[in-house]
PDB file of N, CA and C in Angstrom:
ATOM      1  N   GLY A   1     -58.584 -51.395 -36.789  1.00  0.00           N
ATOM      2  CA  GLY A   1     -58.605 -50.342 -35.798  1.00  0.00           C
ATOM      3  C   GLY A   1     -57.277 -49.615 -35.731  1.00  0.00           C
ATOM      4  N   ASP A   2     -57.075 -48.893 -34.665  1.00  0.00           N
ATOM      5  CA  ASP A   2     -55.852 -48.133 -34.427  1.00  0.00           C
ATOM      6  C   ASP A   2     -54.839 -49.038 -33.737  1.00  0.00           C
ATOM      7  N   VAL A   3     -53.673 -49.214 -34.361  1.00  0.00           N
ATOM      8  CA  VAL A   3     -52.674 -50.182 -33.907  1.00  0.00           C
ATOM      9  C   VAL A   3     -51.445 -49.463 -33.383  1.00  0.00           C
ATOM     10  N   LEU A   4     -50.927 -49.936 -32.259  1.00  0.00           N
ATOM     11  CA  LEU A   4     -49.658 -49.483 -31.694  1.00  0.00           C
ATOM     12  C   LEU A   4     -48.718 -50.672 -31.675  1.00  0.00           C
ATOM     13  N   GLU A   5     -47.532 -50.491 -32.275  1.00  0.00           N
ATOM     14  CA  GLU A   5     -46.492 -51.512 -32.159  1.00  0.00           C
ATOM     15  C   GLU A   5     -45.413 -50.973 -31.238  1.00  0.00           C
ATOM     16  N   VAL A   6     -45.161 -51.691 -30.162  1.00  0.00           N
ATOM     17  CA  VAL A   6     -44.169 -51.296 -29.168  1.00  0.00           C
ATOM     18  C   VAL A   6     -42.868 -52.044 -29.458  1.00  0.00           C
ATOM     19  N   GLY A   7     -41.798 -51.289 -29.682  1.00  0.00           N
ATOM     20  CA  GLY A   7     -40.506 -51.895 -29.983  1.00  0.00           C
ATOM     21  C   GLY A   7     -40.456 -52.428 -31.397  1.00  0.00           C
ATOM     22  N   CYS A   8     -40.707 -51.582 -32.362  1.00  0.00           N
ATOM     23  CA  CYS A   8     -40.835 -52.037 -33.754  1.00  0.00           C
ATOM     24  C   CYS A   8     -39.517 -52.460 -34.383  1.00  0.00           C
ATOM     25  N   GLY A   9     -38.383 -52.048 -33.812  1.00  0.00           N
ATOM     26  CA  GLY A   9     -37.088 -52.445 -34.367  1.00  0.00           C
ATOM     27  C   GLY A   9     -36.970 -52.079 -35.828  1.00  0.00           C
ATOM     28  N   GLU A  10     -36.515 -53.022 -36.651  1.00  0.00           N
ATOM     29  CA  GLU A  10     -36.306 -52.786 -38.081  1.00  0.00           C
ATOM     30  C   GLU A  10     -37.611 -52.768 -38.872  1.00  0.00           C
ATOM     31  N   GLY A  11     -38.720 -53.074 -38.233  1.00  0.00           N
ATOM     32  CA  GLY A  11     -40.020 -52.947 -38.890  1.00  0.00           C
ATOM     33  C   GLY A  11     -40.434 -54.112 -39.760  1.00  0.00           C
ATOM     34  N   ARG A  12     -40.029 -55.300 -39.423  1.00  0.00           N
ATOM     35  CA  ARG A  12     -40.315 -56.464 -40.275  1.00  0.00           C
ATOM     36  C   ARG A  12     -41.808 -56.702 -40.506  1.00  0.00           C
ATOM     37  N   GLY A  13     -42.638 -56.433 -39.521  1.00  0.00           N
ATOM     38  CA  GLY A  13     -44.072 -56.698 -39.681  1.00  0.00           C
ATOM     39  C   GLY A  13     -44.894 -55.502 -40.113  1.00  0.00           C
ATOM     40  N   ILE A  14     -44.264 -54.376 -40.313  1.00  0.00           N
ATOM     41  CA  ILE A  14     -45.009 -53.150 -40.601  1.00  0.00           C
ATOM     42  C   ILE A  14     -45.853 -53.241 -41.866  1.00  0.00           C
ATOM     43  N   PRO A  15     -45.354 -53.752 -42.977  1.00  0.00           N
ATOM     44  CA  PRO A  15     -46.220 -53.805 -44.170  1.00  0.00           C
ATOM     45  C   PRO A  15     -47.529 -54.557 -43.931  1.00  0.00           C
ATOM     46  N   LEU A  16     -47.473 -55.673 -43.234  1.00  0.00           N
ATOM     47  CA  LEU A  16     -48.674 -56.448 -42.935  1.00  0.00           C
ATOM     48  C   LEU A  16     -49.612 -55.675 -42.012  1.00  0.00           C
ATOM     49  N   LEU A  17     -49.060 -55.066 -40.979  1.00  0.00           N
ATOM     50  CA  LEU A  17     -49.893 -54.317 -40.038  1.00  0.00           C
ATOM     51  C   LEU A  17     -50.519 -53.093 -40.702  1.00  0.00           C
ATOM     52  N   LEU A  18     -49.776 -52.382 -41.526  1.00  0.00           N
ATOM     53  CA  LEU A  18     -50.301 -51.191 -42.190  1.00  0.00           C
ATOM     54  C   LEU A  18     -51.495 -51.506 -43.078  1.00  0.00           C
ATOM     55  N   GLU A  19     -51.447 -52.614 -43.773  1.00  0.00           N
ATOM     56  CA  GLU A  19     -52.540 -52.938 -44.700  1.00  0.00           C
ATOM     57  C   GLU A  19     -53.824 -53.306 -43.970  1.00  0.00           C
ATOM     58  N   LYS A  20     -53.725 -53.698 -42.699  1.00  0.00           N
ATOM     59  CA  LYS A  20     -54.902 -54.110 -41.931  1.00  0.00           C
ATOM     60  C   LYS A  20     -55.417 -53.014 -40.988  1.00  0.00           C
ATOM     61  N   ALA A  21     -54.577 -52.039 -40.662  1.00  0.00           N
ATOM     62  CA  ALA A  21     -54.913 -51.063 -39.619  1.00  0.00           C
ATOM     63  C   ALA A  21     -55.608 -49.828 -40.181  1.00  0.00           C
ATOM     64  N   LYS A  22     -56.480 -49.273 -39.373  1.00  0.00           N
ATOM     65  CA  LYS A  22     -57.065 -47.958 -39.672  1.00  0.00           C
ATOM     66  C   LYS A  22     -55.974 -46.899 -39.533  1.00  0.00           C
ATOM     67  N   SER A  23     -55.203 -46.981 -38.450  1.00  0.00           N
ATOM     68  CA  SER A  23     -54.029 -46.134 -38.252  1.00  0.00           C
ATOM     69  C   SER A  23     -52.960 -46.992 -37.592  1.00  0.00           C
ATOM     70  N   PHE A  24     -51.696 -46.608 -37.811  1.00  0.00           N
ATOM     71  CA  PHE A  24     -50.585 -47.383 -37.285  1.00  0.00           C
ATOM     72  C   PHE A  24     -49.569 -46.450 -36.657  1.00  0.00           C
ATOM     73  N   THR A  25     -49.200 -46.734 -35.404  1.00  0.00           N
ATOM     74  CA  THR A  25     -48.166 -46.003 -34.686  1.00  0.00           C
ATOM     75  C   THR A  25     -47.144 -47.015 -34.191  1.00  0.00           C
ATOM     76  N   ALA A  26     -45.861 -46.678 -34.344  1.00  0.00           N
ATOM     77  CA  ALA A  26     -44.805 -47.556 -33.858  1.00  0.00           C
ATOM     78  C   ALA A  26     -43.836 -46.756 -33.008  1.00  0.00           C
ATOM     79  N   VAL A  27     -43.357 -47.371 -31.934  1.00  0.00           N
ATOM     80  CA  VAL A  27     -42.357 -46.731 -31.077  1.00  0.00           C
ATOM     81  C   VAL A  27     -41.148 -47.650 -30.936  1.00  0.00           C
ATOM     82  N   ASP A  28     -39.986 -47.028 -30.855  1.00  0.00           N
ATOM     83  CA  ASP A  28     -38.739 -47.733 -30.616  1.00  0.00           C
ATOM     84  C   ASP A  28     -37.748 -46.706 -30.106  1.00  0.00           C
ATOM     85  N   LYS A  29     -36.716 -47.160 -29.416  1.00  0.00           N
ATOM     86  CA  LYS A  29     -35.763 -46.223 -28.819  1.00  0.00           C
ATOM     87  C   LYS A  29     -34.669 -45.767 -29.778  1.00  0.00           C
ATOM     88  N   ILE A  30     -34.493 -46.425 -30.901  1.00  0.00           N
ATOM     89  CA  ILE A  30     -33.383 -46.119 -31.802  1.00  0.00           C
ATOM     90  C   ILE A  30     -33.842 -45.114 -32.858  1.00  0.00           C
ATOM     91  N   LYS A  31     -33.516 -43.846 -32.656  1.00  0.00           N
ATOM     92  CA  LYS A  31     -34.014 -42.762 -33.517  1.00  0.00           C
ATOM     93  C   LYS A  31     -33.652 -42.924 -34.990  1.00  0.00           C
ATOM     94  N   PRO A  32     -32.422 -43.289 -35.360  1.00  0.00           N
ATOM     95  CA  PRO A  32     -32.137 -43.443 -36.794  1.00  0.00           C
ATOM     96  C   PRO A  32     -33.025 -44.497 -37.470  1.00  0.00           C
ATOM     97  N   VAL A  33     -33.355 -45.562 -36.749  1.00  0.00           N
ATOM     98  CA  VAL A  33     -34.236 -46.591 -37.303  1.00  0.00           C
ATOM     99  C   VAL A  33     -35.643 -46.031 -37.466  1.00  0.00           C
ATOM    100  N   ILE A  34     -36.120 -45.315 -36.476  1.00  0.00           N
ATOM    101  CA  ILE A  34     -37.445 -44.694 -36.547  1.00  0.00           C
ATOM    102  C   ILE A  34     -37.510 -43.721 -37.715  1.00  0.00           C
ATOM    103  N   ASP A  35     -36.482 -42.916 -37.893  1.00  0.00           N
ATOM    104  CA  ASP A  35     -36.455 -41.957 -39.002  1.00  0.00           C
ATOM    105  C   ASP A  35     -36.505 -42.670 -40.350  1.00  0.00           C
ATOM    106  N   GLU A  36     -35.780 -43.764 -40.478  1.00  0.00           N
ATOM    107  CA  GLU A  36     -35.768 -44.521 -41.726  1.00  0.00           C
ATOM    108  C   GLU A  36     -37.127 -45.165 -41.993  1.00  0.00           C
ATOM    109  N   LEU A  37     -37.764 -45.699 -40.954  1.00  0.00           N
ATOM    110  CA  LEU A  37     -39.091 -46.293 -41.115  1.00  0.00           C
ATOM    111  C   LEU A  37     -40.124 -45.241 -41.503  1.00  0.00           C
ATOM    112  N   ALA A  38     -40.024 -44.066 -40.921  1.00  0.00           N
ATOM    113  CA  ALA A  38     -40.953 -42.987 -41.257  1.00  0.00           C
ATOM    114  C   ALA A  38     -40.833 -42.610 -42.732  1.00  0.00           C
ATOM    115  N   ALA A  39     -39.627 -42.626 -43.262  1.00  0.00           N
ATOM    116  CA  ALA A  39     -39.420 -42.323 -44.678  1.00  0.00           C
ATOM    117  C   ALA A  39     -39.971 -43.442 -45.571  1.00  0.00           C
ATOM    118  N   ARG A  40     -39.811 -44.683 -45.137  1.00  0.00           N
ATOM    119  CA  ARG A  40     -40.282 -45.837 -45.934  1.00  0.00           C
ATOM    120  C   ARG A  40     -41.788 -46.027 -45.893  1.00  0.00           C
ATOM    121  N   PHE A  41     -42.396 -45.660 -44.753  1.00  0.00           N
ATOM    122  CA  PHE A  41     -43.831 -45.896 -44.559  1.00  0.00           C
ATOM    123  C   PHE A  41     -44.518 -44.590 -44.142  1.00  0.00           C
ATOM    124  N   PRO A  42     -44.727 -43.673 -45.070  1.00  0.00           N
ATOM    125  CA  PRO A  42     -45.269 -42.356 -44.706  1.00  0.00           C
ATOM    126  C   PRO A  42     -46.696 -42.375 -44.151  1.00  0.00           C
ATOM    127  N   SER A  43     -47.427 -43.470 -44.343  1.00  0.00           N
ATOM    128  CA  SER A  43     -48.787 -43.516 -43.801  1.00  0.00           C
ATOM    129  C   SER A  43     -48.813 -43.869 -42.316  1.00  0.00           C
ATOM    130  N   GLY A  44     -47.681 -44.286 -41.772  1.00  0.00           N
ATOM    131  CA  GLY A  44     -47.604 -44.612 -40.353  1.00  0.00           C
ATOM    132  C   GLY A  44     -47.068 -43.449 -39.539  1.00  0.00           C
ATOM    133  N   ARG A  45     -47.175 -43.583 -38.240  1.00  0.00           N
ATOM    134  CA  ARG A  45     -46.614 -42.600 -37.295  1.00  0.00           C
ATOM    135  C   ARG A  45     -45.525 -43.320 -36.520  1.00  0.00           C
ATOM    136  N   PHE A  46     -44.339 -42.727 -36.461  1.00  0.00           N
ATOM    137  CA  PHE A  46     -43.188 -43.365 -35.834  1.00  0.00           C
ATOM    138  C   PHE A  46     -42.605 -42.436 -34.784  1.00  0.00           C
ATOM    139  N   ILE A  47     -42.410 -42.966 -33.572  1.00  0.00           N
ATOM    140  CA  ILE A  47     -41.970 -42.171 -32.433  1.00  0.00           C
ATOM    141  C   ILE A  47     -40.750 -42.826 -31.808  1.00  0.00           C
ATOM    142  N   SER A  48     -39.706 -42.037 -31.599  1.00  0.00           N
ATOM    143  CA  SER A  48     -38.526 -42.520 -30.898  1.00  0.00           C
ATOM    144  C   SER A  48     -38.689 -42.209 -29.419  1.00  0.00           C
ATOM    145  N   MET A  49     -38.698 -43.253 -28.601  1.00  0.00           N
ATOM    146  CA  MET A  49     -38.817 -43.079 -27.152  1.00  0.00           C
ATOM    147  C   MET A  49     -38.359 -44.349 -26.460  1.00  0.00           C
ATOM    148  N   ASN A  50     -37.915 -44.209 -25.236  1.00  0.00           N
ATOM    149  CA  ASN A  50     -37.555 -45.373 -24.431  1.00  0.00           C
ATOM    150  C   ASN A  50     -38.820 -46.045 -23.931  1.00  0.00           C
ATOM    151  N   ILE A  51     -38.787 -47.365 -23.888  1.00  0.00           N
ATOM    152  CA  ILE A  51     -39.922 -48.132 -23.395  1.00  0.00           C
ATOM    153  C   ILE A  51     -39.418 -49.193 -22.425  1.00  0.00           C
ATOM    154  N   PRO A  52     -40.100 -49.493 -21.359  1.00  0.00           N
ATOM    155  CA  PRO A  52     -41.126 -48.661 -20.768  1.00  0.00           C
ATOM    156  C   PRO A  52     -40.564 -47.361 -20.203  1.00  0.00           C
ATOM    157  N   PRO A  53     -41.369 -46.422 -19.842  1.00  0.00           N
ATOM    158  CA  PRO A  53     -42.829 -46.397 -19.835  1.00  0.00           C
ATOM    159  C   PRO A  53     -43.368 -45.905 -21.180  1.00  0.00           C
ATOM    160  N   LEU A  54     -44.655 -45.952 -21.316  1.00  0.00           N
ATOM    161  CA  LEU A  54     -45.322 -45.434 -22.518  1.00  0.00           C
ATOM    162  C   LEU A  54     -46.091 -44.161 -22.200  1.00  0.00           C
ATOM    163  N   ASN A  55     -45.627 -43.420 -21.221  1.00  0.00           N
ATOM    164  CA  ASN A  55     -46.389 -42.254 -20.743  1.00  0.00           C
ATOM    165  C   ASN A  55     -46.419 -41.089 -21.737  1.00  0.00           C
ATOM    166  N   GLU A  56     -45.669 -41.166 -22.840  1.00  0.00           N
ATOM    167  CA  GLU A  56     -45.753 -40.127 -23.868  1.00  0.00           C
ATOM    168  C   GLU A  56     -46.941 -40.348 -24.805  1.00  0.00           C
ATOM    169  N   LEU A  57     -47.606 -41.493 -24.666  1.00  0.00           N
ATOM    170  CA  LEU A  57     -48.756 -41.814 -25.506  1.00  0.00           C
ATOM    171  C   LEU A  57     -50.040 -41.669 -24.700  1.00  0.00           C
ATOM    172  N   PRO A  58     -51.117 -41.230 -25.346  1.00  0.00           N
ATOM    173  CA  PRO A  58     -52.380 -41.092 -24.618  1.00  0.00           C
ATOM    174  C   PRO A  58     -52.963 -42.441 -24.220  1.00  0.00           C
ATOM    175  N   SER A  59     -53.639 -42.485 -23.093  1.00  0.00           N
ATOM    176  CA  SER A  59     -54.320 -43.707 -22.648  1.00  0.00           C
ATOM    177  C   SER A  59     -55.532 -43.965 -23.530  1.00  0.00           C
ATOM    178  N   ASP A  60     -55.852 -45.230 -23.704  1.00  0.00           N
ATOM    179  CA  ASP A  60     -57.063 -45.649 -24.421  1.00  0.00           C
ATOM    180  C   ASP A  60     -57.146 -45.087 -25.838  1.00  0.00           C
ATOM    181  N   ALA A  61     -55.998 -44.927 -26.503  1.00  0.00           N
ATOM    182  CA  ALA A  61     -55.988 -44.365 -27.858  1.00  0.00           C
ATOM    183  C   ALA A  61     -55.852 -45.438 -28.939  1.00  0.00           C
ATOM    184  N   PHE A  62     -55.633 -46.698 -28.550  1.00  0.00           N
ATOM    185  CA  PHE A  62     -55.375 -47.752 -29.522  1.00  0.00           C
ATOM    186  C   PHE A  62     -56.318 -48.920 -29.291  1.00  0.00           C
ATOM    187  N   ASP A  63     -56.720 -49.533 -30.392  1.00  0.00           N
ATOM    188  CA  ASP A  63     -57.579 -50.715 -30.312  1.00  0.00           C
ATOM    189  C   ASP A  63     -56.754 -51.983 -30.104  1.00  0.00           C
ATOM    190  N   VAL A  64     -55.533 -51.986 -30.657  1.00  0.00           N
ATOM    191  CA  VAL A  64     -54.670 -53.158 -30.607  1.00  0.00           C
ATOM    192  C   VAL A  64     -53.253 -52.710 -30.298  1.00  0.00           C
ATOM    193  N   VAL A  65     -52.591 -53.422 -29.391  1.00  0.00           N
ATOM    194  CA  VAL A  65     -51.180 -53.188 -29.101  1.00  0.00           C
ATOM    195  C   VAL A  65     -50.438 -54.492 -29.386  1.00  0.00           C
ATOM    196  N   VAL A  66     -49.386 -54.398 -30.213  1.00  0.00           N
ATOM    197  CA  VAL A  66     -48.593 -55.579 -30.537  1.00  0.00           C
ATOM    198  C   VAL A  66     -47.129 -55.315 -30.220  1.00  0.00           C
ATOM    199  N   THR A  67     -46.421 -56.382 -29.954  1.00  0.00           N
ATOM    200  CA  THR A  67     -44.983 -56.307 -29.744  1.00  0.00           C
ATOM    201  C   THR A  67     -44.388 -57.656 -30.133  1.00  0.00           C
ATOM    202  N   PHE A  68     -43.285 -57.611 -30.841  1.00  0.00           N
ATOM    203  CA  PHE A  68     -42.630 -58.826 -31.304  1.00  0.00           C
ATOM    204  C   PHE A  68     -41.170 -58.793 -30.884  1.00  0.00           C
ATOM    205  N   GLN A  69     -40.714 -59.817 -30.230  1.00  0.00           N
ATOM    206  CA  GLN A  69     -39.315 -59.972 -29.835  1.00  0.00           C
ATOM    207  C   GLN A  69     -38.802 -58.774 -29.019  1.00  0.00           C
ATOM    208  N   VAL A  70     -39.600 -58.357 -28.044  1.00  0.00           N
ATOM    209  CA  VAL A  70     -39.231 -57.214 -27.202  1.00  0.00           C
ATOM    210  C   VAL A  70     -39.017 -57.631 -25.748  1.00  0.00           C
ATOM    211  N   ILE A  71     -39.785 -58.566 -25.268  1.00  0.00           N
ATOM    212  CA  ILE A  71     -39.785 -58.902 -23.843  1.00  0.00           C
ATOM    213  C   ILE A  71     -38.389 -59.236 -23.330  1.00  0.00           C
ATOM    214  N   GLU A  72     -37.562 -59.858 -24.164  1.00  0.00           N
ATOM    215  CA  GLU A  72     -36.219 -60.224 -23.707  1.00  0.00           C
ATOM    216  C   GLU A  72     -35.314 -59.017 -23.531  1.00  0.00           C
ATOM    217  N   HIS A  73     -35.736 -57.842 -23.990  1.00  0.00           N
ATOM    218  CA  HIS A  73     -34.950 -56.626 -23.844  1.00  0.00           C
ATOM    219  C   HIS A  73     -35.381 -55.771 -22.651  1.00  0.00           C
ATOM    220  N   ILE A  74     -36.432 -56.160 -21.959  1.00  0.00           N
ATOM    221  CA  ILE A  74     -36.971 -55.402 -20.830  1.00  0.00           C
ATOM    222  C   ILE A  74     -36.440 -56.015 -19.539  1.00  0.00           C
ATOM    223  N   GLU A  75     -35.828 -55.175 -18.709  1.00  0.00           N
ATOM    224  CA  GLU A  75     -35.319 -55.669 -17.419  1.00  0.00           C
ATOM    225  C   GLU A  75     -36.439 -55.857 -16.434  1.00  0.00           C
TER     226      GLU A  75
END
């Protein structure tokens, strides 16, 4: 299905997620990292934004939402 990764960081899991997903979107606050991931993985969509909130993304647009090693960064 359509996958959203929140806080993708350096993108360690992206290759695995891309091969399984119908579409893949990743968000992270560090723009240079997002730009580099977009160049490495052109089939994905990469957005630089602060999280939370996720209000720049449409509601009910993803089948699966994943996040890895992010919770410790949220106040």
